[in-house]
C-alpha cells in the first residue's frame, strides 16, 4: 500500500457484522502498512469546524502584544507563538523552528493528583477578545473524544480483541486540540534550509484526528517505499494516524505514521492554512503493555503513558 486509503465509517456505524469486519480489516491493513487513513461518514458536522476556523482566524489576526497575554509553550494551554516548537527534534534531527503558530486547548477536568493535573489537566486559557472560541472548541473537544474513542473500538476489533481493550485505559484520558495557523510565504519570506511548517516526525499518543485544508504546502506522509507522498484531500473527512504509544501497544504491528507539513511554496505565496489537530492519548497513569506475538511483532517492556509522552514533548520544545 503506497497511498493512504479512504474508509467510509458509515459501514461501521450502520452496517451489519460483515460490514464492520470489513472496516476493521481495512483499518488493520492501513495502520500496518502506512500508519494513516482518511475517514468519511464520521458523523461530525462541518459547520462548527468552520466556525472554529473563523474564530481562531480572528484571534490569530490580533496584534502580537495582545496574543502574548495568552502565551504558552509545548504541552501548555493558550497561544504558542512561532519559534517555540521544532518537531524534527522528535527524530533527533536539529531543524529550524516550525513555521506556524498555535492555539492549544484540551483535557482540563482534574483527577485530584496534583502532579498529574499540573502536567496533563491544566485549566484552559480563553482569549477575552474572541469569546466565541471557547464554546466552539469545548463542543469540538467532546465530539473528537467520542470519535477517537470509537476509533479505538475499531482498532480493538481489527485485532480481534475485546471492544474496550484500548478504551478501558482511557477513563480519564489526556488529549489536546492544536489549532495550527500556517502563515503565507508573502508574510514569512523564504524559509531557512530544512525548515517546514511542521518538520518530519511521528505523533506521540494513540490516535490523531486531523481536520485539514487542502494546499500546496500541505501534509505529506512517509510511505513504505521510503518516499514522501501527498496525503489525499477529501472534503468533509478526517485524516487519522497512529501515534508512537499505540504502535508500541500493538507490539509494532502498526506503524506510527511519519509525516510532515511542507513549507509555503513560491507557487502559492499567499496560501494560508489552518488545521484542527486533535491528539488523543489515554490515562496518564496507565501502564501500557505491548501485545507480543502473534498479534504484535515485538514484546516491548511496559511503560507508563505519562513518562513515555513527556519524554517526546520535551524533545520538540525549543527553549
Protein backbone atom coordinates (compact mmCIF):
# COMPACT_ATOMS: atom_id res chain seq x y z
CA UNK A 1 0.00 0.00 0.00
CA UNK A 2 1.68 3.22 -1.14
CA UNK A 3 -1.35 5.50 -0.82
CA UNK A 4 -3.44 6.49 2.17
CA UNK A 5 -6.78 4.64 1.95
CA UNK A 6 -10.14 6.39 2.30
CA UNK A 7 -12.57 4.47 4.53
CA UNK A 8 -16.27 5.27 4.87
CA UNK A 9 -17.26 4.79 8.51
CA UNK A 10 -20.96 4.60 7.69
CA UNK A 11 -20.38 0.90 7.10
CA UNK A 12 -19.13 0.65 10.69
CA UNK A 13 -21.89 2.74 12.28
CA UNK A 14 -24.83 1.48 10.20
CA UNK A 15 -23.72 -1.81 8.66
CA UNK A 16 -24.11 -5.42 9.74
CA UNK A 17 -21.43 -7.59 11.32
CA UNK A 18 -19.79 -8.37 7.98
CA UNK A 19 -19.62 -4.65 7.13
CA UNK A 20 -17.98 -3.88 10.46
CA UNK A 21 -15.47 -6.69 9.99
CA UNK A 22 -14.53 -5.31 6.57
CA UNK A 23 -13.97 -1.84 8.02
CA UNK A 24 -11.84 -3.25 10.84
CA UNK A 25 -9.77 -5.30 8.38
CA UNK A 26 -9.11 -2.24 6.21
CA UNK A 27 -8.07 -0.24 9.26
CA UNK A 28 -5.67 -3.01 10.29
CA UNK A 29 -4.14 -3.07 6.80
CA UNK A 30 -3.77 0.72 6.66
CA UNK A 31 -2.17 1.04 10.08
CA UNK A 32 0.11 -1.93 9.43
CA UNK A 33 1.34 -0.59 6.10
CA UNK A 34 1.47 3.19 6.38
CA UNK A 35 0.02 4.29 9.73
CA UNK A 36 -2.53 6.59 8.07
CA UNK A 37 -6.08 6.53 6.76
CA UNK A 38 -8.74 9.06 5.78
CA UNK A 39 -12.25 8.59 7.15
CA UNK A 40 -15.54 9.84 5.76
CA UNK A 41 -19.02 9.20 7.14
CA UNK A 42 -17.76 10.09 10.62
CA UNK A 43 -20.88 11.99 11.71
CA UNK A 44 -19.12 15.18 12.86
CA UNK A 45 -20.81 18.23 11.27
CA UNK A 46 -18.67 20.56 9.17
CA UNK A 47 -20.36 23.84 10.16
CA UNK A 48 -18.99 24.11 13.72
CA UNK A 49 -15.49 23.29 12.48
CA UNK A 50 -15.63 26.15 10.01
CA UNK A 51 -16.80 28.48 12.77
CA UNK A 52 -13.78 27.43 14.84
CA UNK A 53 -11.56 28.40 11.92
CA UNK A 54 -13.27 31.78 11.65
CA UNK A 55 -12.98 32.50 15.38
CA UNK A 56 -9.39 31.26 15.53
CA UNK A 57 -8.55 33.36 12.48
CA UNK A 58 -9.79 36.45 14.27
CA UNK A 59 -7.65 35.55 17.30
CA UNK A 60 -4.53 34.98 15.19
CA UNK A 61 -5.12 38.36 13.49
CA UNK A 62 -4.85 40.20 16.83
CA UNK A 63 -1.69 42.23 17.50
CA UNK A 64 1.15 40.14 18.88
CA UNK A 65 1.19 42.05 22.14
CA UNK A 66 -2.45 41.04 22.70
CA UNK A 67 -1.84 37.38 21.88
CA UNK A 68 1.18 37.43 24.18
CA UNK A 69 -1.20 37.70 27.17
CA UNK A 70 -2.07 34.06 26.44
CA UNK A 71 1.45 32.85 25.58
CA UNK A 72 2.34 29.25 26.38
CA UNK A 73 4.79 26.61 25.26
CA UNK A 74 4.56 23.00 24.10
CA UNK A 75 2.27 20.96 26.35
CA UNK A 76 0.58 24.03 27.84
CA UNK A 77 -2.72 25.76 27.09
CA UNK A 78 -3.01 29.01 25.18
CA UNK A 79 -1.08 30.66 22.36
CA UNK A 80 2.13 29.03 21.18
CA UNK A 81 3.92 31.73 19.20
CA UNK A 82 6.22 30.99 16.27
CA UNK A 83 9.60 29.71 17.34
CA UNK A 84 8.72 27.52 20.34
CA UNK A 85 8.48 24.16 18.57
CA UNK A 86 10.53 22.09 16.12
CA UNK A 87 9.04 18.65 15.55
CA UNK A 88 12.10 17.33 13.74
CA UNK A 89 13.84 17.06 17.10
CA UNK A 90 11.49 14.19 17.97
CA UNK A 91 13.57 12.16 15.49
CA UNK A 92 16.82 13.57 16.81
CA UNK A 93 17.19 15.89 13.81
CA UNK A 94 18.01 19.52 14.66
CA UNK A 95 15.85 21.74 12.47
CA UNK A 96 14.83 25.40 12.44
CA UNK A 97 11.57 26.20 14.27
CA UNK A 98 8.35 25.08 12.64
CA UNK A 99 6.63 27.77 10.56
CA UNK A 100 3.39 28.02 12.49
CA UNK A 101 1.58 29.48 15.44
CA UNK A 102 -0.88 27.50 17.54
CA UNK A 103 -3.79 27.92 19.91
CA UNK A 104 -3.97 24.88 22.21
CA UNK A 105 -6.77 23.63 24.45
CA UNK A 106 -7.50 20.23 25.90
CA UNK A 107 -8.49 18.00 28.80
CA UNK A 108 -8.98 20.14 31.91
CA UNK A 109 -11.01 18.00 34.34
CA UNK A 110 -8.73 17.40 37.35
CA UNK A 111 -8.03 13.93 38.71
CA UNK A 112 -7.14 15.10 42.22
CA UNK A 113 -3.49 14.12 41.78
CA UNK A 114 -1.69 17.48 41.86
CA UNK A 115 1.34 16.34 39.85
CA UNK A 116 -0.75 14.65 37.15
CA UNK A 117 -3.18 17.57 36.96
CA UNK A 118 -0.39 20.15 36.64
CA UNK A 119 1.04 18.31 33.66
CA UNK A 120 -1.96 16.87 31.83
CA UNK A 121 -5.15 18.63 33.02
CA UNK A 122 -4.23 22.29 33.14
CA UNK A 123 -7.02 24.88 33.04
CA UNK A 124 -7.74 26.05 29.53
CA UNK A 125 -6.99 29.66 28.64
CA UNK A 126 -9.61 31.51 26.61
CA UNK A 127 -8.98 34.88 24.94
CA UNK A 128 -11.41 37.54 26.12
CA UNK A 129 -11.03 39.27 22.74
CA UNK A 130 -12.63 36.29 20.93
CA UNK A 131 -15.38 34.93 23.23
CA UNK A 132 -16.90 32.70 20.54
CA UNK A 133 -13.81 30.47 20.55
CA UNK A 134 -14.44 28.81 23.93
CA UNK A 135 -17.90 27.27 23.34
CA UNK A 136 -16.94 26.17 19.84
CA UNK A 137 -13.75 24.45 20.98
CA UNK A 138 -15.37 22.85 24.04
CA UNK A 139 -18.05 21.35 21.77
CA UNK A 140 -15.41 20.18 19.30
CA UNK A 141 -13.34 18.54 22.04
CA UNK A 142 -16.36 16.50 23.11
CA UNK A 143 -17.06 15.40 19.54
CA UNK A 144 -13.41 14.50 18.97
CA UNK A 145 -13.17 12.48 22.16
CA UNK A 146 -16.23 10.47 21.14
CA UNK A 147 -14.83 9.85 17.65
CA UNK A 148 -11.35 8.96 18.96
CA UNK A 149 -12.91 6.52 21.41
CA UNK A 150 -14.86 4.86 18.60
CA UNK A 151 -11.69 4.65 16.52
CA UNK A 152 -10.05 2.75 19.37
CA UNK A 153 -13.03 0.38 19.44
CA UNK A 154 -12.48 -0.21 15.71
CA UNK A 155 -8.79 -0.77 16.44
CA UNK A 156 -9.68 -3.41 19.01
CA UNK A 157 -11.95 -5.13 16.51
CA UNK A 158 -9.16 -5.03 13.94
CA UNK A 159 -7.01 -7.11 16.28
CA UNK A 160 -9.76 -9.45 17.44
CA UNK A 161 -9.71 -8.00 20.96
CA UNK A 162 -12.49 -7.09 23.39
CA UNK A 163 -14.18 -3.81 22.33
CA UNK A 164 -12.87 -1.99 25.42
CA UNK A 165 -9.30 -3.29 25.21
CA UNK A 166 -7.90 0.19 24.47
CA UNK A 167 -10.67 2.40 25.86
CA UNK A 168 -10.53 0.74 29.28
CA UNK A 169 -7.23 2.61 29.71
CA UNK A 170 -8.91 5.89 28.75
CA UNK A 171 -11.41 6.53 31.53
CA UNK A 172 -9.81 9.91 32.31
CA UNK A 173 -7.57 10.48 29.30
CA UNK A 174 -5.32 13.34 28.33
CA UNK A 175 -5.90 14.99 24.95
CA UNK A 176 -5.13 18.25 23.20
CA UNK A 177 -6.54 20.23 20.30
CA UNK A 178 -3.97 22.27 18.43
CA UNK A 179 -5.38 24.91 16.11
CA UNK A 180 -2.42 25.46 13.81
CA UNK A 181 -2.08 28.52 11.61
CA UNK A 182 0.44 28.24 8.79
CA UNK A 183 1.18 31.79 7.59
CA UNK A 184 1.73 32.57 3.90
CA UNK A 185 5.12 32.94 2.23
CA UNK A 186 4.29 36.56 1.47
CA UNK A 187 4.31 37.24 5.22
CA UNK A 188 7.19 34.98 6.25
CA UNK A 189 9.71 35.33 3.48
CA UNK A 190 11.74 32.35 2.26
CA UNK A 191 12.10 29.50 4.79
CA UNK A 192 15.50 28.55 6.12
CA UNK A 193 17.16 25.40 4.75
CA UNK A 194 15.44 22.37 6.25
CA UNK A 195 12.55 24.43 7.64
CA UNK A 196 8.97 23.18 7.38
CA UNK A 197 5.54 24.24 8.52
CA UNK A 198 5.95 21.11 10.66
CA UNK A 199 9.15 19.11 10.42
CA UNK A 200 9.24 15.34 9.83
CA UNK A 201 8.06 13.43 12.89
CA UNK A 202 5.66 10.88 14.29
CA UNK A 203 2.91 11.74 16.77
CA UNK A 204 3.17 10.55 20.33
CA UNK A 205 -0.18 9.23 21.59
CA UNK A 206 -2.78 6.72 20.44
CA UNK A 207 -4.63 8.31 17.51
CA UNK A 208 -4.53 11.75 15.93
CA UNK A 209 -7.67 13.15 14.27
CA UNK A 210 -6.79 15.87 11.75
CA UNK A 211 -9.21 18.26 10.09
CA UNK A 212 -7.09 19.97 7.44
CA UNK A 213 -7.37 22.28 4.47
CA UNK A 214 -6.05 21.48 1.03
CA UNK A 215 -2.94 23.32 -0.07
CA UNK A 216 0.32 23.27 -1.98
CA UNK A 217 2.31 23.40 1.25
CA UNK A 218 0.27 20.66 2.86
CA UNK A 219 0.54 17.27 4.55
CA UNK A 220 2.88 14.58 3.31
CA UNK A 221 3.21 11.04 4.66
CA UNK A 222 6.23 8.76 4.52
CA UNK A 223 5.47 5.63 2.50
CA UNK A 224 6.76 2.07 3.00
CA UNK A 225 8.85 2.51 -0.14
CA UNK A 226 10.79 5.23 1.67
CA UNK A 227 9.46 8.25 -0.17
CA UNK A 228 7.20 11.17 0.68
CA UNK A 229 3.72 11.36 -0.82
CA UNK A 230 0.97 13.97 -0.59
CA UNK A 231 -1.85 12.84 1.66
CA UNK A 232 -5.17 12.67 -0.18
CA UNK A 233 -7.56 15.51 0.48
CA UNK A 234 -11.24 14.59 0.67
CA UNK A 235 -13.92 17.13 1.53
CA UNK A 236 -15.51 16.69 4.97
CA UNK A 237 -13.10 13.98 6.02
CA UNK A 238 -10.61 13.45 8.82
CA UNK A 239 -7.07 12.22 8.36
CA UNK A 240 -6.24 9.66 11.04
CA UNK A 241 -2.82 8.42 12.06
CA UNK A 242 -1.37 6.13 14.67
CA UNK A 243 0.93 7.59 17.33
CA UNK A 244 4.02 6.13 18.99
CA UNK A 245 2.12 4.90 22.04
CA UNK A 246 -0.43 2.88 20.07
CA UNK A 247 2.28 1.47 17.81
CA UNK A 248 4.18 0.29 20.87
CA UNK A 249 0.96 -1.02 22.42
CA UNK A 250 0.43 -3.25 19.37
CA UNK A 251 3.97 -4.58 19.52
CA UNK A 252 4.87 -2.63 16.35
CA UNK A 253 2.18 -4.40 14.33
CA UNK A 254 1.03 -0.88 13.45
CA UNK A 255 3.30 1.87 12.26
CA UNK A 256 3.46 5.26 13.89
CA UNK A 257 2.73 7.33 10.81
CA UNK A 258 5.70 9.54 9.93
CA UNK A 259 4.65 12.81 8.32
CA UNK A 260 5.48 16.47 7.72
CA UNK A 261 3.80 19.67 6.58
CA UNK A 262 5.61 21.26 3.67
CA UNK A 263 6.90 24.84 3.84
CA UNK A 264 4.94 27.52 1.98
CA UNK A 265 5.57 27.21 -1.73
CA UNK A 266 6.55 30.05 -4.12
CA UNK A 267 3.80 28.88 -6.49
CA UNK A 268 1.21 29.89 -3.85
CA UNK A 269 2.79 32.81 -1.98
CA UNK A 270 -0.46 33.89 -0.33
CA UNK A 271 -1.57 30.41 0.78
CA UNK A 272 -2.55 30.41 4.46
CA UNK A 273 -3.80 27.17 6.01
CA UNK A 274 -5.50 26.43 9.32
CA UNK A 275 -5.65 22.89 10.72
CA UNK A 276 -7.54 21.45 13.69
CA UNK A 277 -5.35 18.70 15.12
CA UNK A 278 -6.72 16.51 17.92
CA UNK A 279 -4.17 14.38 19.79
CA UNK A 280 -5.71 11.57 21.85
CA UNK A 281 -3.73 9.66 24.42
CA UNK A 282 -5.00 7.60 27.38
CA UNK A 283 -4.98 7.80 31.18
CA UNK A 284 -1.61 9.35 32.10
CA UNK A 285 -1.08 6.75 34.81
CA UNK A 286 -1.88 3.79 32.58
CA UNK A 287 0.83 1.17 32.24
CA UNK A 288 0.97 0.10 28.61
CA UNK A 289 2.00 -3.50 27.99
CA UNK A 290 2.65 -4.24 24.34
CA UNK A 291 0.90 -7.05 22.52
CA UNK A 292 3.59 -9.55 21.69
CA UNK A 293 3.38 -12.26 19.05
CA UNK A 294 1.23 -13.49 17.43
CA UNK A 295 -0.71 -10.17 17.43
CA UNK A 296 2.32 -7.92 17.60
CA UNK A 297 5.86 -8.35 16.35
CA UNK A 298 7.83 -7.13 19.40
CA UNK A 299 7.03 -7.50 23.11
CA UNK A 300 8.29 -4.14 24.37
CA UNK A 301 8.80 -3.64 28.12
CA UNK A 302 5.84 -1.95 29.87
CA UNK A 303 5.85 1.86 30.02
CA UNK A 304 3.86 4.40 31.98
CA UNK A 305 1.99 6.58 29.50
CA UNK A 306 2.83 9.92 31.15
CA UNK A 307 6.57 9.24 31.22
CA UNK A 308 6.57 7.97 27.64
CA UNK A 309 4.74 11.05 26.34
CA UNK A 310 6.62 13.66 28.38
CA UNK A 311 9.95 12.48 27.02
CA UNK A 312 8.73 13.16 23.49
CA UNK A 313 7.12 16.52 24.26
CA UNK A 314 10.33 17.68 25.89
CA UNK A 315 12.33 16.75 22.77
CA UNK A 316 10.41 19.10 20.46
CA UNK A 317 10.30 22.10 22.82
CA UNK A 318 12.69 24.94 21.97
CA UNK A 319 13.94 26.92 24.96
